[in-house]
Amino acid sequence: MNGQHRKDIHPGLEVEVVLKQDQRTGKRTRGVVRDILTNSPFHPRGIKVRLRTGQVGRVQEILGPAPPVIPKP
C-alpha cells in the first residue's frame, strides 16, 4: 500500500520512508511511525512522518503493524 493518504497511516505502523537526504537516490528507510507531520489528507509524494528513531521522511510503502517490542529482562 502506498503512503499518499493520511487516513491509512497511524502511529505504531511499520513503513518504508525516503528521508530528505535520500530523495535523489530514492533509498528507503524502514521504521515505525511515531508522529504524522503532514496535515493534508493526501500528498502526491507521500505523507511526511517522524519515525520512533526521530528520523523524518515521506512514506513510500506501508508494511503493516509494527513487530512487538520484547522487553529486556
N, C-alpha and C. Protein backbone atom coordinates (compact mmCIF):
# COMPACT_ATOMS: atom_id res chain seq x y z
N MET A 1 0.85 -1.17 0.00
CA MET A 1 0.00 0.00 0.00
C MET A 1 0.90 1.24 0.00
N ASN A 2 0.55 2.24 -0.81
CA ASN A 2 1.38 3.44 -0.85
C ASN A 2 1.03 4.36 0.31
N GLY A 3 1.84 5.38 0.53
CA GLY A 3 1.68 6.25 1.68
C GLY A 3 1.18 7.64 1.34
N GLN A 4 0.29 7.75 0.35
CA GLN A 4 -0.18 9.06 -0.09
C GLN A 4 -1.41 9.55 0.67
N HIS A 5 -2.11 8.66 1.35
CA HIS A 5 -3.35 9.03 2.06
C HIS A 5 -3.13 9.00 3.57
N ARG A 6 -3.40 10.13 4.21
CA ARG A 6 -3.19 10.27 5.64
C ARG A 6 -4.03 9.28 6.45
N LYS A 7 -5.24 8.98 5.96
CA LYS A 7 -6.16 8.09 6.68
C LYS A 7 -5.60 6.67 6.83
N ASP A 8 -4.64 6.30 5.98
CA ASP A 8 -4.07 4.95 6.01
C ASP A 8 -2.90 4.81 6.98
N ILE A 9 -2.45 5.93 7.54
CA ILE A 9 -1.24 5.94 8.37
C ILE A 9 -1.58 6.32 9.80
N HIS A 10 -0.99 5.61 10.75
CA HIS A 10 -1.19 5.92 12.16
C HIS A 10 0.04 5.52 12.96
N PRO A 11 0.23 6.10 14.14
CA PRO A 11 1.39 5.73 14.97
C PRO A 11 1.40 4.23 15.26
N GLY A 12 2.60 3.66 15.24
CA GLY A 12 2.76 2.23 15.50
C GLY A 12 2.80 1.38 14.25
N LEU A 13 2.60 2.00 13.09
CA LEU A 13 2.61 1.27 11.82
C LEU A 13 4.04 1.18 11.30
N GLU A 14 4.41 0.01 10.78
CA GLU A 14 5.74 -0.14 10.17
C GLU A 14 5.65 0.32 8.72
N VAL A 15 6.58 1.19 8.33
CA VAL A 15 6.56 1.79 7.00
C VAL A 15 7.97 1.87 6.43
N GLU A 16 8.03 2.14 5.12
CA GLU A 16 9.29 2.49 4.47
C GLU A 16 9.15 3.94 4.03
N VAL A 17 10.16 4.76 4.38
CA VAL A 17 10.15 6.17 4.02
C VAL A 17 11.39 6.51 3.22
N VAL A 18 11.32 7.64 2.51
CA VAL A 18 12.50 8.23 1.89
C VAL A 18 12.83 9.47 2.70
N LEU A 19 14.02 9.48 3.30
CA LEU A 19 14.48 10.62 4.07
C LEU A 19 14.86 11.75 3.12
N LYS A 20 14.85 12.99 3.63
CA LYS A 20 15.17 14.16 2.82
C LYS A 20 16.52 14.00 2.10
N GLN A 21 17.53 13.55 2.83
CA GLN A 21 18.86 13.42 2.24
C GLN A 21 18.95 12.30 1.21
N ASP A 22 17.94 11.42 1.17
CA ASP A 22 17.94 10.29 0.23
C ASP A 22 16.98 10.51 -0.94
N GLN A 23 16.42 11.71 -1.08
CA GLN A 23 15.43 11.93 -2.14
C GLN A 23 16.01 11.74 -3.53
N ARG A 24 17.26 12.11 -3.73
CA ARG A 24 17.87 11.96 -5.06
C ARG A 24 18.03 10.50 -5.45
N THR A 25 18.41 9.66 -4.49
CA THR A 25 18.65 8.25 -4.79
C THR A 25 17.40 7.40 -4.61
N GLY A 26 16.45 7.86 -3.78
CA GLY A 26 15.25 7.08 -3.51
C GLY A 26 15.46 5.97 -2.50
N LYS A 27 16.61 6.00 -1.80
CA LYS A 27 16.91 4.97 -0.80
C LYS A 27 15.84 4.98 0.29
N ARG A 28 15.34 3.81 0.62
CA ARG A 28 14.27 3.70 1.61
C ARG A 28 14.82 3.30 2.97
N THR A 29 14.16 3.82 4.00
CA THR A 29 14.49 3.50 5.38
C THR A 29 13.26 2.91 6.03
N ARG A 30 13.41 1.78 6.70
CA ARG A 30 12.29 1.13 7.37
C ARG A 30 12.21 1.61 8.81
N GLY A 31 10.99 1.83 9.28
CA GLY A 31 10.82 2.25 10.66
C GLY A 31 9.37 2.21 11.09
N VAL A 32 9.12 2.63 12.33
CA VAL A 32 7.79 2.64 12.91
C VAL A 32 7.36 4.08 13.13
N VAL A 33 6.14 4.42 12.70
CA VAL A 33 5.62 5.78 12.79
C VAL A 33 5.43 6.19 14.24
N ARG A 34 5.99 7.36 14.60
CA ARG A 34 5.74 7.95 15.91
C ARG A 34 4.74 9.09 15.78
N ASP A 35 4.95 9.99 14.79
CA ASP A 35 4.08 11.16 14.57
C ASP A 35 3.80 11.32 13.09
N ILE A 36 2.60 11.82 12.77
CA ILE A 36 2.26 12.19 11.40
C ILE A 36 2.44 13.70 11.30
N LEU A 37 3.25 14.16 10.36
CA LEU A 37 3.58 15.57 10.25
C LEU A 37 2.79 16.30 9.16
N THR A 38 2.29 15.59 8.15
CA THR A 38 1.50 16.21 7.09
C THR A 38 0.07 16.39 7.58
N ASN A 39 -0.46 17.61 7.41
CA ASN A 39 -1.83 17.89 7.84
C ASN A 39 -2.88 17.59 6.78
N SER A 40 -2.51 17.66 5.50
CA SER A 40 -3.49 17.45 4.44
C SER A 40 -3.85 15.96 4.33
N PRO A 41 -5.05 15.65 3.84
CA PRO A 41 -5.48 14.25 3.74
C PRO A 41 -4.76 13.45 2.64
N PHE A 42 -4.11 14.15 1.69
CA PHE A 42 -3.43 13.48 0.57
C PHE A 42 -2.17 14.27 0.22
N HIS A 43 -1.11 13.57 -0.11
CA HIS A 43 0.11 14.21 -0.63
C HIS A 43 0.68 13.31 -1.72
N PRO A 44 0.91 13.85 -2.92
CA PRO A 44 1.36 13.01 -4.04
C PRO A 44 2.72 12.35 -3.84
N ARG A 45 3.61 12.95 -3.03
CA ARG A 45 4.93 12.35 -2.81
C ARG A 45 5.00 11.54 -1.53
N GLY A 46 3.89 11.41 -0.83
CA GLY A 46 3.85 10.62 0.40
C GLY A 46 3.66 11.49 1.63
N ILE A 47 2.96 10.95 2.60
CA ILE A 47 2.70 11.64 3.86
C ILE A 47 4.00 11.70 4.67
N LYS A 48 4.30 12.89 5.21
CA LYS A 48 5.54 13.05 5.99
C LYS A 48 5.29 12.59 7.42
N VAL A 49 6.21 11.75 7.92
CA VAL A 49 6.09 11.21 9.28
C VAL A 49 7.42 11.31 10.01
N ARG A 50 7.35 11.23 11.34
CA ARG A 50 8.54 11.08 12.18
C ARG A 50 8.53 9.65 12.67
N LEU A 51 9.66 8.97 12.52
CA LEU A 51 9.78 7.59 12.98
C LEU A 51 10.17 7.57 14.45
N ARG A 52 10.07 6.41 15.09
CA ARG A 52 10.47 6.26 16.50
C ARG A 52 11.94 6.63 16.72
N THR A 53 12.74 6.52 15.68
CA THR A 53 14.17 6.86 15.77
C THR A 53 14.40 8.36 15.72
N GLY A 54 13.35 9.13 15.39
CA GLY A 54 13.48 10.58 15.26
C GLY A 54 13.69 11.03 13.83
N GLN A 55 13.92 10.10 12.92
CA GLN A 55 14.11 10.44 11.51
C GLN A 55 12.79 10.87 10.90
N VAL A 56 12.86 11.80 9.93
CA VAL A 56 11.68 12.32 9.26
C VAL A 56 11.77 12.00 7.78
N GLY A 57 10.67 11.48 7.21
CA GLY A 57 10.65 11.17 5.78
C GLY A 57 9.23 11.01 5.28
N ARG A 58 9.12 10.81 3.98
CA ARG A 58 7.81 10.63 3.34
C ARG A 58 7.55 9.14 3.11
N VAL A 59 6.36 8.70 3.50
CA VAL A 59 6.00 7.28 3.41
C VAL A 59 5.88 6.86 1.96
N GLN A 60 6.61 5.81 1.60
CA GLN A 60 6.56 5.23 0.26
C GLN A 60 5.74 3.96 0.24
N GLU A 61 5.79 3.22 1.36
CA GLU A 61 5.05 1.96 1.44
C GLU A 61 4.69 1.66 2.88
N ILE A 62 3.47 1.18 3.06
CA ILE A 62 3.00 0.76 4.38
C ILE A 62 3.19 -0.75 4.46
N LEU A 63 3.93 -1.20 5.48
CA LEU A 63 4.25 -2.62 5.61
C LEU A 63 3.29 -3.36 6.53
N GLY A 64 2.70 -2.65 7.49
CA GLY A 64 1.76 -3.29 8.41
C GLY A 64 2.05 -2.90 9.84
N PRO A 65 1.42 -3.58 10.79
CA PRO A 65 1.65 -3.27 12.20
C PRO A 65 3.10 -3.52 12.58
N ALA A 66 3.61 -2.73 13.49
CA ALA A 66 4.99 -2.89 13.94
C ALA A 66 5.15 -4.20 14.68
N PRO A 67 6.31 -4.82 14.57
CA PRO A 67 6.54 -6.04 15.35
C PRO A 67 6.54 -5.71 16.84
N PRO A 68 6.12 -6.64 17.67
CA PRO A 68 6.06 -6.36 19.11
C PRO A 68 7.45 -6.09 19.69
N VAL A 69 7.47 -5.21 20.67
CA VAL A 69 8.73 -4.89 21.35
C VAL A 69 8.84 -5.84 22.55
N ILE A 70 9.92 -6.60 22.57
CA ILE A 70 10.13 -7.57 23.65
C ILE A 70 10.98 -6.91 24.72
N PRO A 71 10.43 -6.73 25.93
CA PRO A 71 11.20 -6.07 26.97
C PRO A 71 12.41 -6.90 27.39
N LYS A 72 13.50 -6.21 27.70
CA LYS A 72 14.70 -6.91 28.15
C LYS A 72 14.58 -7.21 29.63
N PRO A 73 14.95 -8.43 30.05
CA PRO A 73 14.83 -8.80 31.46
C PRO A 73 15.82 -8.06 32.35
